[in-house]
């Protein structure tokens, strides 16, 4: 699953707005929203948390966009 497919699947589950795809992490800056961010860093895909105040906290690294998107989908849709 690619980023656009992830966003579409999450939207259908009422979870849109929870994932912030960004081209690059800019410490001290970012969107006025909090959520899980997804960005490519060289050959890796980084998933982490963004707090809406410019604080980016990387959590997981993946070697493909597909694995990163699957991880995000699983984390957001897991039954609690």
C-alpha atoms as a PDB file:
ATOM      1  CA  UNK A   1       0.000   0.000   0.000  1.00  0.00           C
ATOM      2  CA  UNK A   2       1.302   3.450  -0.929  1.00  0.00           C
ATOM      3  CA  UNK A   3       0.658   6.719   0.912  1.00  0.00           C
ATOM      4  CA  UNK A   4      -2.374   7.735  -1.184  1.00  0.00           C
ATOM      5  CA  UNK A   5      -3.953   4.315  -0.673  1.00  0.00           C
ATOM      6  CA  UNK A   6      -3.309   4.549   3.065  1.00  0.00           C
ATOM      7  CA  UNK A   7      -4.982   7.944   3.273  1.00  0.00           C
ATOM      8  CA  UNK A   8      -7.962   6.669   1.272  1.00  0.00           C
ATOM      9  CA  UNK A   9      -8.399   3.559   3.449  1.00  0.00           C
ATOM     10  CA  UNK A  10      -8.144   5.599   6.654  1.00  0.00           C
ATOM     11  CA  UNK A  11     -10.661   8.118   5.331  1.00  0.00           C
ATOM     12  CA  UNK A  12     -13.150   5.329   4.668  1.00  0.00           C
ATOM     13  CA  UNK A  13     -12.760   4.275   8.314  1.00  0.00           C
ATOM     14  CA  UNK A  14     -13.319   7.833   9.536  1.00  0.00           C
ATOM     15  CA  UNK A  15      -9.657   8.277  10.439  1.00  0.00           C
ATOM     16  CA  UNK A  16      -8.702  10.980   7.961  1.00  0.00           C
ATOM     17  CA  UNK A  17      -6.466  13.717   9.294  1.00  0.00           C
ATOM     18  CA  UNK A  18      -4.497  11.345  11.532  1.00  0.00           C
ATOM     19  CA  UNK A  19      -1.565  10.955   9.106  1.00  0.00           C
ATOM     20  CA  UNK A  20       0.606  13.835   7.937  1.00  0.00           C
ATOM     21  CA  UNK A  21       2.624  12.957   4.830  1.00  0.00           C
ATOM     22  CA  UNK A  22       5.511  15.445   4.674  1.00  0.00           C
ATOM     23  CA  UNK A  23       8.362  15.893   2.214  1.00  0.00           C
ATOM     24  CA  UNK A  24      10.821  16.621   5.000  1.00  0.00           C
ATOM     25  CA  UNK A  25      10.795  17.211   8.723  1.00  0.00           C
ATOM     26  CA  UNK A  26      11.485  20.803   9.694  1.00  0.00           C
ATOM     27  CA  UNK A  27      12.347  21.124  13.397  1.00  0.00           C
ATOM     28  CA  UNK A  28      10.442  24.036  14.871  1.00  0.00           C
ATOM     29  CA  UNK A  29       7.965  24.168  11.990  1.00  0.00           C
ATOM     30  CA  UNK A  30       5.155  22.212  10.446  1.00  0.00           C
ATOM     31  CA  UNK A  31       1.399  22.106  10.001  1.00  0.00           C
ATOM     32  CA  UNK A  32      -1.102  23.327  12.606  1.00  0.00           C
ATOM     33  CA  UNK A  33      -2.166  19.767  13.312  1.00  0.00           C
ATOM     34  CA  UNK A  34      -0.881  16.870  15.318  1.00  0.00           C
ATOM     35  CA  UNK A  35      -0.699  13.273  14.235  1.00  0.00           C
ATOM     36  CA  UNK A  36       1.476  10.549  12.805  1.00  0.00           C
ATOM     37  CA  UNK A  37       3.948  11.767  10.211  1.00  0.00           C
ATOM     38  CA  UNK A  38       5.334   9.819   7.277  1.00  0.00           C
ATOM     39  CA  UNK A  39       8.375  10.984   5.348  1.00  0.00           C
ATOM     40  CA  UNK A  40      11.084   9.564   3.148  1.00  0.00           C
ATOM     41  CA  UNK A  41      14.660   9.981   4.351  1.00  0.00           C
ATOM     42  CA  UNK A  42      17.035   8.691   1.710  1.00  0.00           C
ATOM     43  CA  UNK A  43      16.196   5.015   1.182  1.00  0.00           C
ATOM     44  CA  UNK A  44      14.210   4.790   4.418  1.00  0.00           C
ATOM     45  CA  UNK A  45      10.674   5.761   5.377  1.00  0.00           C
ATOM     46  CA  UNK A  46      10.285   7.331   8.802  1.00  0.00           C
ATOM     47  CA  UNK A  47       7.102   7.223  10.861  1.00  0.00           C
ATOM     48  CA  UNK A  48       6.736   9.255  14.029  1.00  0.00           C
ATOM     49  CA  UNK A  49       4.640  11.689  16.009  1.00  0.00           C
ATOM     50  CA  UNK A  50       4.189  15.402  15.375  1.00  0.00           C
ATOM     51  CA  UNK A  51       2.664  17.555  18.105  1.00  0.00           C
ATOM     52  CA  UNK A  52       1.520  20.565  16.042  1.00  0.00           C
ATOM     53  CA  UNK A  53       4.055  22.833  17.773  1.00  0.00           C
ATOM     54  CA  UNK A  54       7.123  21.988  15.714  1.00  0.00           C
ATOM     55  CA  UNK A  55       8.217  18.905  17.666  1.00  0.00           C
ATOM     56  CA  UNK A  56       8.848  15.853  15.479  1.00  0.00           C
ATOM     57  CA  UNK A  57       9.544  12.552  17.246  1.00  0.00           C
ATOM     58  CA  UNK A  58      10.658   9.703  14.973  1.00  0.00           C
ATOM     59  CA  UNK A  59       9.358   6.312  16.140  1.00  0.00           C
ATOM     60  CA  UNK A  60       9.958   3.695  13.426  1.00  0.00           C
ATOM     61  CA  UNK A  61      12.108   3.297  10.300  1.00  0.00           C
ATOM     62  CA  UNK A  62      11.154   1.137   7.334  1.00  0.00           C
ATOM     63  CA  UNK A  63      12.960   0.153   4.150  1.00  0.00           C
ATOM     64  CA  UNK A  64       9.860   0.699   1.991  1.00  0.00           C
ATOM     65  CA  UNK A  65       6.851   2.972   1.742  1.00  0.00           C
ATOM     66  CA  UNK A  66       4.595  -0.092   1.678  1.00  0.00           C
ATOM     67  CA  UNK A  67       5.871  -1.399   5.034  1.00  0.00           C
ATOM     68  CA  UNK A  68       5.597   2.026   6.632  1.00  0.00           C
ATOM     69  CA  UNK A  69       2.011   2.440   5.412  1.00  0.00           C
ATOM     70  CA  UNK A  70       1.034  -1.057   6.577  1.00  0.00           C
ATOM     71  CA  UNK A  71       2.469  -0.311  10.012  1.00  0.00           C
ATOM     72  CA  UNK A  72       0.546   2.964  10.269  1.00  0.00           C
ATOM     73  CA  UNK A  73      -2.685   1.327   9.119  1.00  0.00           C
ATOM     74  CA  UNK A  74      -2.299  -1.453  11.652  1.00  0.00           C
ATOM     75  CA  UNK A  75      -1.501   0.961  14.471  1.00  0.00           C
ATOM     76  CA  UNK A  76      -4.519   3.159  13.755  1.00  0.00           C
ATOM     77  CA  UNK A  77      -7.034   0.398  13.130  1.00  0.00           C
ATOM     78  CA  UNK A  78      -6.018  -2.142  15.797  1.00  0.00           C
ATOM     79  CA  UNK A  79      -8.846  -3.128  18.091  1.00  0.00           C
ATOM     80  CA  UNK A  80      -8.233  -2.013  21.630  1.00  0.00           C
END
